[in-house]
Amino acid sequence: MYVVCVTVFVKPEKIKDFKEATFENAWNTRQEPGNVHFNVLQAENDPSRFFLYEVYKSPEGFQSHQKTEHYLKWKETVADWMAQPRQGVKYYSLFPADSDW
């Protein structure tokens, strides 16, 4: 599995709008054949801090996601709502094994 973890700091006045746009993107991403999981998390001690946990079957599944209409809409919509540039880190999942999914 291929995992993408994205940390986003959102301007406080845009938290509600960010959540709505991100939920729409996450829902649509879950319909993609290459996506396994998409979680949207909000920090307990800082409501302006979000963590997107995305799991794809392969790097190609993530690359396909980045070309979808819903992702491109999300990216453009939320760009000005971020307090700083988003930080993404990509991983290969080691445990559980792919066969356990």
PDB file of N, CA and C in Angstrom:
ATOM      1  N   MET A   1       0.838  -1.178   0.000  1.00  0.00           N
ATOM      2  CA  MET A   1       0.000   0.000   0.000  1.00  0.00           C
ATOM      3  C   MET A   1       0.883   1.241   0.000  1.00  0.00           C
ATOM      4  N   TYR A   2       0.334   2.312  -0.519  1.00  0.00           N
ATOM      5  CA  TYR A   2       1.029   3.579  -0.613  1.00  0.00           C
ATOM      6  C   TYR A   2       0.235   4.587   0.213  1.00  0.00           C
ATOM      7  N   VAL A   3       0.887   5.229   1.164  1.00  0.00           N
ATOM      8  CA  VAL A   3       0.209   6.112   2.114  1.00  0.00           C
ATOM      9  C   VAL A   3       0.705   7.538   1.936  1.00  0.00           C
ATOM     10  N   VAL A   4      -0.238   8.455   1.917  1.00  0.00           N
ATOM     11  CA  VAL A   4       0.078   9.881   1.835  1.00  0.00           C
ATOM     12  C   VAL A   4      -0.509  10.542   3.079  1.00  0.00           C
ATOM     13  N   CYS A   5       0.353  11.221   3.844  1.00  0.00           N
ATOM     14  CA  CYS A   5      -0.058  11.921   5.059  1.00  0.00           C
ATOM     15  C   CYS A   5       0.171  13.414   4.842  1.00  0.00           C
ATOM     16  N   VAL A   6      -0.886  14.186   4.989  1.00  0.00           N
ATOM     17  CA  VAL A   6      -0.813  15.616   4.711  1.00  0.00           C
ATOM     18  C   VAL A   6      -1.254  16.389   5.947  1.00  0.00           C
ATOM     19  N   THR A   7      -0.399  17.297   6.403  1.00  0.00           N
ATOM     20  CA  THR A   7      -0.737  18.191   7.505  1.00  0.00           C
ATOM     21  C   THR A   7      -1.105  19.546   6.920  1.00  0.00           C
ATOM     22  N   VAL A   8      -2.234  20.068   7.375  1.00  0.00           N
ATOM     23  CA  VAL A   8      -2.731  21.348   6.864  1.00  0.00           C
ATOM     24  C   VAL A   8      -3.084  22.242   8.052  1.00  0.00           C
ATOM     25  N   PHE A   9      -2.576  23.455   8.028  1.00  0.00           N
ATOM     26  CA  PHE A   9      -2.950  24.478   9.009  1.00  0.00           C
ATOM     27  C   PHE A   9      -3.871  25.460   8.301  1.00  0.00           C
ATOM     28  N   VAL A  10      -5.078  25.591   8.826  1.00  0.00           N
ATOM     29  CA  VAL A  10      -6.115  26.386   8.177  1.00  0.00           C
ATOM     30  C   VAL A  10      -6.334  27.689   8.951  1.00  0.00           C
ATOM     31  N   LYS A  11      -6.584  28.760   8.215  1.00  0.00           N
ATOM     32  CA  LYS A  11      -6.926  30.026   8.865  1.00  0.00           C
ATOM     33  C   LYS A  11      -8.195  29.810   9.695  1.00  0.00           C
ATOM     34  N   PRO A  12      -8.200  30.291  10.943  1.00  0.00           N
ATOM     35  CA  PRO A  12      -9.335  30.011  11.846  1.00  0.00           C
ATOM     36  C   PRO A  12     -10.705  30.346  11.261  1.00  0.00           C
ATOM     37  N   GLU A  13     -10.802  31.419  10.535  1.00  0.00           N
ATOM     38  CA  GLU A  13     -12.097  31.820   9.980  1.00  0.00           C
ATOM     39  C   GLU A  13     -12.544  30.932   8.813  1.00  0.00           C
ATOM     40  N   LYS A  14     -11.687  30.053   8.348  1.00  0.00           N
ATOM     41  CA  LYS A  14     -11.998  29.179   7.209  1.00  0.00           C
ATOM     42  C   LYS A  14     -12.130  27.707   7.595  1.00  0.00           C
ATOM     43  N   ILE A  15     -12.103  27.398   8.885  1.00  0.00           N
ATOM     44  CA  ILE A  15     -12.161  26.006   9.325  1.00  0.00           C
ATOM     45  C   ILE A  15     -13.428  25.306   8.817  1.00  0.00           C
ATOM     46  N   LYS A  16     -14.573  25.916   8.997  1.00  0.00           N
ATOM     47  CA  LYS A  16     -15.833  25.297   8.573  1.00  0.00           C
ATOM     48  C   LYS A  16     -15.823  25.044   7.070  1.00  0.00           C
ATOM     49  N   ASP A  17     -15.419  26.038   6.297  1.00  0.00           N
ATOM     50  CA  ASP A  17     -15.374  25.901   4.836  1.00  0.00           C
ATOM     51  C   ASP A  17     -14.370  24.818   4.422  1.00  0.00           C
ATOM     52  N   PHE A  18     -13.230  24.784   5.085  1.00  0.00           N
ATOM     53  CA  PHE A  18     -12.216  23.781   4.772  1.00  0.00           C
ATOM     54  C   PHE A  18     -12.759  22.378   5.018  1.00  0.00           C
ATOM     55  N   LYS A  19     -13.428  22.196   6.133  1.00  0.00           N
ATOM     56  CA  LYS A  19     -13.973  20.873   6.443  1.00  0.00           C
ATOM     57  C   LYS A  19     -14.980  20.444   5.381  1.00  0.00           C
ATOM     58  N   GLU A  20     -15.864  21.324   4.977  1.00  0.00           N
ATOM     59  CA  GLU A  20     -16.868  20.984   3.966  1.00  0.00           C
ATOM     60  C   GLU A  20     -16.202  20.596   2.646  1.00  0.00           C
ATOM     61  N   ALA A  21     -15.237  21.383   2.197  1.00  0.00           N
ATOM     62  CA  ALA A  21     -14.548  21.100   0.928  1.00  0.00           C
ATOM     63  C   ALA A  21     -13.750  19.803   1.019  1.00  0.00           C
ATOM     64  N   THR A  22     -13.130  19.573   2.163  1.00  0.00           N
ATOM     65  CA  THR A  22     -12.299  18.383   2.336  1.00  0.00           C
ATOM     66  C   THR A  22     -13.149  17.129   2.450  1.00  0.00           C
ATOM     67  N   PHE A  23     -14.288  17.212   3.106  1.00  0.00           N
ATOM     68  CA  PHE A  23     -15.191  16.062   3.182  1.00  0.00           C
ATOM     69  C   PHE A  23     -15.673  15.673   1.781  1.00  0.00           C
ATOM     70  N   GLU A  24     -15.982  16.664   0.962  1.00  0.00           N
ATOM     71  CA  GLU A  24     -16.424  16.379  -0.412  1.00  0.00           C
ATOM     72  C   GLU A  24     -15.304  15.683  -1.194  1.00  0.00           C
ATOM     73  N   ASN A  25     -14.089  16.186  -1.072  1.00  0.00           N
ATOM     74  CA  ASN A  25     -12.958  15.562  -1.749  1.00  0.00           C
ATOM     75  C   ASN A  25     -12.731  14.142  -1.233  1.00  0.00           C
ATOM     76  N   ALA A  26     -12.782  13.957   0.066  1.00  0.00           N
ATOM     77  CA  ALA A  26     -12.562  12.634   0.659  1.00  0.00           C
ATOM     78  C   ALA A  26     -13.630  11.645   0.193  1.00  0.00           C
ATOM     79  N   TRP A  27     -14.881  12.067   0.198  1.00  0.00           N
ATOM     80  CA  TRP A  27     -15.967  11.191  -0.236  1.00  0.00           C
ATOM     81  C   TRP A  27     -15.742  10.734  -1.677  1.00  0.00           C
ATOM     82  N   ASN A  28     -15.425  11.669  -2.542  1.00  0.00           N
ATOM     83  CA  ASN A  28     -15.195  11.335  -3.949  1.00  0.00           C
ATOM     84  C   ASN A  28     -13.942  10.481  -4.127  1.00  0.00           C
ATOM     85  N   THR A  29     -12.932  10.742  -3.342  1.00  0.00           N
ATOM     86  CA  THR A  29     -11.707   9.945  -3.424  1.00  0.00           C
ATOM     87  C   THR A  29     -11.992   8.504  -3.045  1.00  0.00           C
ATOM     88  N   ARG A  30     -12.850   8.284  -2.061  1.00  0.00           N
ATOM     89  CA  ARG A  30     -13.194   6.918  -1.633  1.00  0.00           C
ATOM     90  C   ARG A  30     -13.855   6.122  -2.756  1.00  0.00           C
ATOM     91  N   GLN A  31     -14.384   6.805  -3.762  1.00  0.00           N
ATOM     92  CA  GLN A  31     -15.026   6.122  -4.884  1.00  0.00           C
ATOM     93  C   GLN A  31     -14.002   5.713  -5.955  1.00  0.00           C
ATOM     94  N   GLU A  32     -12.776   6.205  -5.859  1.00  0.00           N
ATOM     95  CA  GLU A  32     -11.751   5.886  -6.845  1.00  0.00           C
ATOM     96  C   GLU A  32     -11.299   4.429  -6.674  1.00  0.00           C
ATOM     97  N   PRO A  33     -11.072   3.717  -7.780  1.00  0.00           N
ATOM     98  CA  PRO A  33     -10.657   2.318  -7.667  1.00  0.00           C
ATOM     99  C   PRO A  33      -9.294   2.137  -7.000  1.00  0.00           C
ATOM    100  N   GLY A  34      -8.414   3.132  -7.061  1.00  0.00           N
ATOM    101  CA  GLY A  34      -7.087   3.009  -6.471  1.00  0.00           C
ATOM    102  C   GLY A  34      -7.008   3.400  -5.012  1.00  0.00           C
ATOM    103  N   ASN A  35      -8.109   3.926  -4.445  1.00  0.00           N
ATOM    104  CA  ASN A  35      -8.097   4.368  -3.053  1.00  0.00           C
ATOM    105  C   ASN A  35      -8.614   3.281  -2.130  1.00  0.00           C
ATOM    106  N   VAL A  36      -7.938   3.115  -0.994  1.00  0.00           N
ATOM    107  CA  VAL A  36      -8.335   2.136   0.009  1.00  0.00           C
ATOM    108  C   VAL A  36      -8.944   2.827   1.228  1.00  0.00           C
ATOM    109  N   HIS A  37      -8.407   4.005   1.565  1.00  0.00           N
ATOM    110  CA  HIS A  37      -8.778   4.675   2.812  1.00  0.00           C
ATOM    111  C   HIS A  37      -8.526   6.172   2.660  1.00  0.00           C
ATOM    112  N   PHE A  38      -9.379   6.988   3.268  1.00  0.00           N
ATOM    113  CA  PHE A  38      -9.136   8.429   3.308  1.00  0.00           C
ATOM    114  C   PHE A  38      -9.743   8.938   4.605  1.00  0.00           C
ATOM    115  N   ASN A  39      -8.890   9.287   5.561  1.00  0.00           N
ATOM    116  CA  ASN A  39      -9.351   9.820   6.846  1.00  0.00           C
ATOM    117  C   ASN A  39      -9.032  11.305   6.936  1.00  0.00           C
ATOM    118  N   VAL A  40      -9.950  12.056   7.512  1.00  0.00           N
ATOM    119  CA  VAL A  40      -9.753  13.477   7.774  1.00  0.00           C
ATOM    120  C   VAL A  40      -9.771  13.634   9.286  1.00  0.00           C
ATOM    121  N   LEU A  41      -8.653  14.123   9.846  1.00  0.00           N
ATOM    122  CA  LEU A  41      -8.531  14.278  11.294  1.00  0.00           C
ATOM    123  C   LEU A  41      -8.315  15.747  11.637  1.00  0.00           C
ATOM    124  N   GLN A  42      -8.836  16.150  12.799  1.00  0.00           N
ATOM    125  CA  GLN A  42      -8.667  17.505  13.310  1.00  0.00           C
ATOM    126  C   GLN A  42      -8.015  17.397  14.687  1.00  0.00           C
ATOM    127  N   ALA A  43      -6.973  18.186  14.907  1.00  0.00           N
ATOM    128  CA  ALA A  43      -6.226  18.120  16.160  1.00  0.00           C
ATOM    129  C   ALA A  43      -7.100  18.505  17.349  1.00  0.00           C
ATOM    130  N   GLU A  44      -6.958  17.771  18.416  1.00  0.00           N
ATOM    131  CA  GLU A  44      -7.730  18.026  19.628  1.00  0.00           C
ATOM    132  C   GLU A  44      -7.377  19.383  20.246  1.00  0.00           C
ATOM    133  N   ASN A  45      -6.093  19.707  20.275  1.00  0.00           N
ATOM    134  CA  ASN A  45      -5.655  20.933  20.952  1.00  0.00           C
ATOM    135  C   ASN A  45      -5.478  22.126  20.018  1.00  0.00           C
ATOM    136  N   ASP A  46      -5.730  21.943  18.735  1.00  0.00           N
ATOM    137  CA  ASP A  46      -5.606  23.035  17.765  1.00  0.00           C
ATOM    138  C   ASP A  46      -6.580  22.782  16.623  1.00  0.00           C
ATOM    139  N   PRO A  47      -7.798  23.322  16.701  1.00  0.00           N
ATOM    140  CA  PRO A  47      -8.810  23.033  15.684  1.00  0.00           C
ATOM    141  C   PRO A  47      -8.463  23.523  14.286  1.00  0.00           C
ATOM    142  N   SER A  48      -7.413  24.311  14.159  1.00  0.00           N
ATOM    143  CA  SER A  48      -7.011  24.773  12.827  1.00  0.00           C
ATOM    144  C   SER A  48      -6.011  23.822  12.164  1.00  0.00           C
ATOM    145  N   ARG A  49      -5.631  22.773  12.879  1.00  0.00           N
ATOM    146  CA  ARG A  49      -4.657  21.804  12.351  1.00  0.00           C
ATOM    147  C   ARG A  49      -5.383  20.521  11.934  1.00  0.00           C
ATOM    148  N   PHE A  50      -5.169  20.127  10.680  1.00  0.00           N
ATOM    149  CA  PHE A  50      -5.800  18.936  10.124  1.00  0.00           C
ATOM    150  C   PHE A  50      -4.734  17.969   9.625  1.00  0.00           C
ATOM    151  N   PHE A  51      -5.117  16.697   9.607  1.00  0.00           N
ATOM    152  CA  PHE A  51      -4.233  15.643   9.112  1.00  0.00           C
ATOM    153  C   PHE A  51      -5.056  14.771   8.169  1.00  0.00           C
ATOM    154  N   LEU A  52      -4.620  14.670   6.932  1.00  0.00           N
ATOM    155  CA  LEU A  52      -5.292  13.833   5.945  1.00  0.00           C
ATOM    156  C   LEU A  52      -4.475  12.564   5.794  1.00  0.00           C
ATOM    157  N   TYR A  53      -5.101  11.429   6.036  1.00  0.00           N
ATOM    158  CA  TYR A  53      -4.449  10.130   5.963  1.00  0.00           C
ATOM    159  C   TYR A  53      -5.075   9.369   4.798  1.00  0.00           C
ATOM    160  N   GLU A  54      -4.295   9.220   3.729  1.00  0.00           N
ATOM    161  CA  GLU A  54      -4.803   8.627   2.495  1.00  0.00           C
ATOM    162  C   GLU A  54      -4.026   7.355   2.179  1.00  0.00           C
ATOM    163  N   VAL A  55      -4.753   6.283   1.865  1.00  0.00           N
ATOM    164  CA  VAL A  55      -4.116   5.015   1.524  1.00  0.00           C
ATOM    165  C   VAL A  55      -4.565   4.626   0.119  1.00  0.00           C
ATOM    166  N   TYR A  56      -3.586   4.324  -0.711  1.00  0.00           N
ATOM    167  CA  TYR A  56      -3.828   3.909  -2.093  1.00  0.00           C
ATOM    168  C   TYR A  56      -3.212   2.539  -2.319  1.00  0.00           C
ATOM    169  N   LYS A  57      -3.712   1.832  -3.307  1.00  0.00           N
ATOM    170  CA  LYS A  57      -3.181   0.509  -3.633  1.00  0.00           C
ATOM    171  C   LYS A  57      -1.756   0.590  -4.163  1.00  0.00           C
ATOM    172  N   SER A  58      -1.410   1.738  -4.766  1.00  0.00           N
ATOM    173  CA  SER A  58      -0.091   1.898  -5.376  1.00  0.00           C
ATOM    174  C   SER A  58       0.198   3.384  -5.570  1.00  0.00           C
ATOM    175  N   PRO A  59       1.455   3.737  -5.848  1.00  0.00           N
ATOM    176  CA  PRO A  59       1.759   5.133  -6.176  1.00  0.00           C
ATOM    177  C   PRO A  59       0.958   5.621  -7.384  1.00  0.00           C
ATOM    178  N   GLU A  60       0.691   4.712  -8.320  1.00  0.00           N
ATOM    179  CA  GLU A  60      -0.081   5.092  -9.507  1.00  0.00           C
ATOM    180  C   GLU A  60      -1.519   5.466  -9.143  1.00  0.00           C
ATOM    181  N   GLY A  61      -2.073   4.805  -8.120  1.00  0.00           N
ATOM    182  CA  GLY A  61      -3.408   5.164  -7.655  1.00  0.00           C
ATOM    183  C   GLY A  61      -3.444   6.588  -7.125  1.00  0.00           C
ATOM    184  N   PHE A  62      -2.394   6.976  -6.412  1.00  0.00           N
ATOM    185  CA  PHE A  62      -2.306   8.356  -5.916  1.00  0.00           C
ATOM    186  C   PHE A  62      -2.110   9.333  -7.070  1.00  0.00           C
ATOM    187  N   GLN A  63      -1.281   8.971  -8.028  1.00  0.00           N
ATOM    188  CA  GLN A  63      -1.057   9.842  -9.189  1.00  0.00           C
ATOM    189  C   GLN A  63      -2.361  10.054  -9.962  1.00  0.00           C
ATOM    190  N   SER A  64      -3.142   9.004 -10.100  1.00  0.00           N
ATOM    191  CA  SER A  64      -4.447   9.134 -10.765  1.00  0.00           C
ATOM    192  C   SER A  64      -5.358  10.059  -9.969  1.00  0.00           C
ATOM    193  N   HIS A  65      -5.330   9.934  -8.657  1.00  0.00           N
ATOM    194  CA  HIS A  65      -6.143  10.795  -7.790  1.00  0.00           C
ATOM    195  C   HIS A  65      -5.828  12.264  -8.032  1.00  0.00           C
ATOM    196  N   GLN A  66      -4.555  12.581  -8.185  1.00  0.00           N
ATOM    197  CA  GLN A  66      -4.148  13.977  -8.366  1.00  0.00           C
ATOM    198  C   GLN A  66      -4.620  14.581  -9.682  1.00  0.00           C
ATOM    199  N   LYS A  67      -5.157  13.776 -10.568  1.00  0.00           N
ATOM    200  CA  LYS A  67      -5.663  14.258 -11.858  1.00  0.00           C
ATOM    201  C   LYS A  67      -7.184  14.341 -11.889  1.00  0.00           C
ATOM    202  N   THR A  68      -7.839  13.930 -10.798  1.00  0.00           N
ATOM    203  CA  THR A  68      -9.299  13.924 -10.790  1.00  0.00           C
ATOM    204  C   THR A  68      -9.859  15.333 -10.654  1.00  0.00           C
ATOM    205  N   GLU A  69     -11.067  15.489 -11.153  1.00  0.00           N
ATOM    206  CA  GLU A  69     -11.743  16.779 -11.081  1.00  0.00           C
ATOM    207  C   GLU A  69     -11.965  17.209  -9.632  1.00  0.00           C
ATOM    208  N   HIS A  70     -12.366  16.265  -8.763  1.00  0.00           N
ATOM    209  CA  HIS A  70     -12.651  16.646  -7.370  1.00  0.00           C
ATOM    210  C   HIS A  70     -11.392  17.061  -6.622  1.00  0.00           C
ATOM    211  N   TYR A  71     -10.258  16.404  -6.887  1.00  0.00           N
ATOM    212  CA  TYR A  71      -9.012  16.807  -6.221  1.00  0.00           C
ATOM    213  C   TYR A  71      -8.568  18.184  -6.698  1.00  0.00           C
ATOM    214  N   LEU A  72      -8.595  18.410  -8.005  1.00  0.00           N
ATOM    215  CA  LEU A  72      -8.165  19.701  -8.543  1.00  0.00           C
ATOM    216  C   LEU A  72      -9.064  20.833  -8.041  1.00  0.00           C
ATOM    217  N   LYS A  73     -10.362  20.554  -7.915  1.00  0.00           N
ATOM    218  CA  LYS A  73     -11.289  21.551  -7.358  1.00  0.00           C
ATOM    219  C   LYS A  73     -10.930  21.840  -5.902  1.00  0.00           C
ATOM    220  N   TRP A  74     -10.706  20.776  -5.118  1.00  0.00           N
ATOM    221  CA  TRP A  74     -10.341  20.952  -3.705  1.00  0.00           C
ATOM    222  C   TRP A  74      -9.064  21.770  -3.583  1.00  0.00           C
ATOM    223  N   LYS A  75      -8.047  21.397  -4.332  1.00  0.00           N
ATOM    224  CA  LYS A  75      -6.738  22.063  -4.256  1.00  0.00           C
ATOM    225  C   LYS A  75      -6.866  23.557  -4.527  1.00  0.00           C
ATOM    226  N   GLU A  76      -7.623  23.919  -5.546  1.00  0.00           N
ATOM    227  CA  GLU A  76      -7.809  25.333  -5.883  1.00  0.00           C
ATOM    228  C   GLU A  76      -8.666  26.047  -4.835  1.00  0.00           C
ATOM    229  N   THR A  77      -9.715  25.382  -4.385  1.00  0.00           N
ATOM    230  CA  THR A  77     -10.647  25.995  -3.436  1.00  0.00           C
ATOM    231  C   THR A  77      -9.979  26.333  -2.112  1.00  0.00           C
ATOM    232  N   VAL A  78      -9.193  25.406  -1.568  1.00  0.00           N
ATOM    233  CA  VAL A  78      -8.649  25.588  -0.222  1.00  0.00           C
ATOM    234  C   VAL A  78      -7.307  26.317  -0.183  1.00  0.00           C
ATOM    235  N   ALA A  79      -6.711  26.574  -1.317  1.00  0.00           N
ATOM    236  CA  ALA A  79      -5.351  27.153  -1.359  1.00  0.00           C
ATOM    237  C   ALA A  79      -5.221  28.420  -0.512  1.00  0.00           C
ATOM    238  N   ASP A  80      -6.157  29.339  -0.624  1.00  0.00           N
ATOM    239  CA  ASP A  80      -6.068  30.602   0.115  1.00  0.00           C
ATOM    240  C   ASP A  80      -6.527  30.480   1.560  1.00  0.00           C
ATOM    241  N   TRP A  81      -7.053  29.326   1.946  1.00  0.00           N
ATOM    242  CA  TRP A  81      -7.535  29.122   3.314  1.00  0.00           C
ATOM    243  C   TRP A  81      -6.449  28.594   4.232  1.00  0.00           C
ATOM    244  N   MET A  82      -5.292  28.261   3.673  1.00  0.00           N
ATOM    245  CA  MET A  82      -4.219  27.678   4.475  1.00  0.00           C
ATOM    246  C   MET A  82      -3.372  28.773   5.113  1.00  0.00           C
ATOM    247  N   ALA A  83      -3.059  28.571   6.387  1.00  0.00           N
ATOM    248  CA  ALA A  83      -2.231  29.533   7.114  1.00  0.00           C
ATOM    249  C   ALA A  83      -0.761  29.403   6.715  1.00  0.00           C
ATOM    250  N   GLN A  84      -0.403  28.239   6.173  1.00  0.00           N
ATOM    251  CA  GLN A  84       0.954  27.981   5.665  1.00  0.00           C
ATOM    252  C   GLN A  84       0.833  26.846   4.653  1.00  0.00           C
ATOM    253  N   PRO A  85       1.841  26.665   3.817  1.00  0.00           N
ATOM    254  CA  PRO A  85       1.743  25.585   2.818  1.00  0.00           C
ATOM    255  C   PRO A  85       1.544  24.221   3.482  1.00  0.00           C
ATOM    256  N   ARG A  86       0.728  23.395   2.854  1.00  0.00           N
ATOM    257  CA  ARG A  86       0.495  22.056   3.403  1.00  0.00           C
ATOM    258  C   ARG A  86       1.769  21.223   3.294  1.00  0.00           C
ATOM    259  N   GLN A  87       1.875  20.270   4.195  1.00  0.00           N
ATOM    260  CA  GLN A  87       3.074  19.424   4.257  1.00  0.00           C
ATOM    261  C   GLN A  87       2.655  17.982   4.025  1.00  0.00           C
ATOM    262  N   GLY A  88       3.139  17.401   2.934  1.00  0.00           N
ATOM    263  CA  GLY A  88       2.798  16.021   2.612  1.00  0.00           C
ATOM    264  C   GLY A  88       4.014  15.119   2.698  1.00  0.00           C
ATOM    265  N   VAL A  89       3.803  13.937   3.273  1.00  0.00           N
ATOM    266  CA  VAL A  89       4.857  12.923   3.358  1.00  0.00           C
ATOM    267  C   VAL A  89       4.267  11.633   2.815  1.00  0.00           C
ATOM    268  N   LYS A  90       5.031  10.962   1.960  1.00  0.00           N
ATOM    269  CA  LYS A  90       4.574   9.717   1.346  1.00  0.00           C
ATOM    270  C   LYS A  90       5.317   8.535   1.955  1.00  0.00           C
ATOM    271  N   TYR A  91       4.578   7.425   2.130  1.00  0.00           N
ATOM    272  CA  TYR A  91       5.123   6.233   2.774  1.00  0.00           C
ATOM    273  C   TYR A  91       4.705   4.986   2.000  1.00  0.00           C
ATOM    274  N   TYR A  92       5.462   3.917   2.203  1.00  0.00           N
ATOM    275  CA  TYR A  92       5.021   2.581   1.828  1.00  0.00           C
ATOM    276  C   TYR A  92       4.602   1.902   3.120  1.00  0.00           C
ATOM    277  N   SER A  93       3.431   1.316   3.122  1.00  0.00           N
ATOM    278  CA  SER A  93       2.931   0.626   4.306  1.00  0.00           C
ATOM    279  C   SER A  93       3.620  -0.729   4.439  1.00  0.00           C
ATOM    280  N   LEU A  94       4.149  -1.019   5.612  1.00  0.00           N
ATOM    281  CA  LEU A  94       4.837  -2.285   5.869  1.00  0.00           C
ATOM    282  C   LEU A  94       3.974  -3.269   6.650  1.00  0.00           C
ATOM    283  N   PHE A  95       3.174  -2.751   7.584  1.00  0.00           N
ATOM    284  CA  PHE A  95       2.308  -3.598   8.385  1.00  0.00           C
ATOM    285  C   PHE A  95       1.009  -2.856   8.639  1.00  0.00           C
ATOM    286  N   PRO A  96      -0.125  -3.433   8.412  1.00  0.00           N
ATOM    287  CA  PRO A  96      -0.293  -4.806   7.955  1.00  0.00           C
ATOM    288  C   PRO A  96       0.137  -4.964   6.498  1.00  0.00           C
ATOM    289  N   ALA A  97       0.380  -6.192   6.112  1.00  0.00           N
ATOM    290  CA  ALA A  97       0.774  -6.484   4.742  1.00  0.00           C
ATOM    291  C   ALA A  97      -0.389  -6.213   3.802  1.00  0.00           C
ATOM    292  N   ASP A  98      -0.073  -5.943   2.555  1.00  0.00           N
ATOM    293  CA  ASP A  98      -1.123  -5.665   1.565  1.00  0.00           C
ATOM    294  C   ASP A  98      -2.187  -6.758   1.549  1.00  0.00           C
ATOM    295  N   SER A  99      -1.781  -7.988   1.738  1.00  0.00           N
ATOM    296  CA  SER A  99      -2.733  -9.100   1.688  1.00  0.00           C
ATOM    297  C   SER A  99      -3.704  -9.078   2.864  1.00  0.00           C
ATOM    298  N   ASP A 100      -3.381  -8.327   3.931  1.00  0.00           N
ATOM    299  CA  ASP A 100      -4.264  -8.227   5.093  1.00  0.00           C
ATOM    300  C   ASP A 100      -5.403  -7.228   4.882  1.00  0.00           C
ATOM    301  N   TRP A 101      -5.308  -6.393   3.869  1.00  0.00           N
ATOM    302  CA  TRP A 101      -6.338  -5.397   3.618  1.00  0.00           C
ATOM    303  C   TRP A 101      -7.475  -6.103   2.971  1.00  0.00           C
TER     304      TRP A 101
END
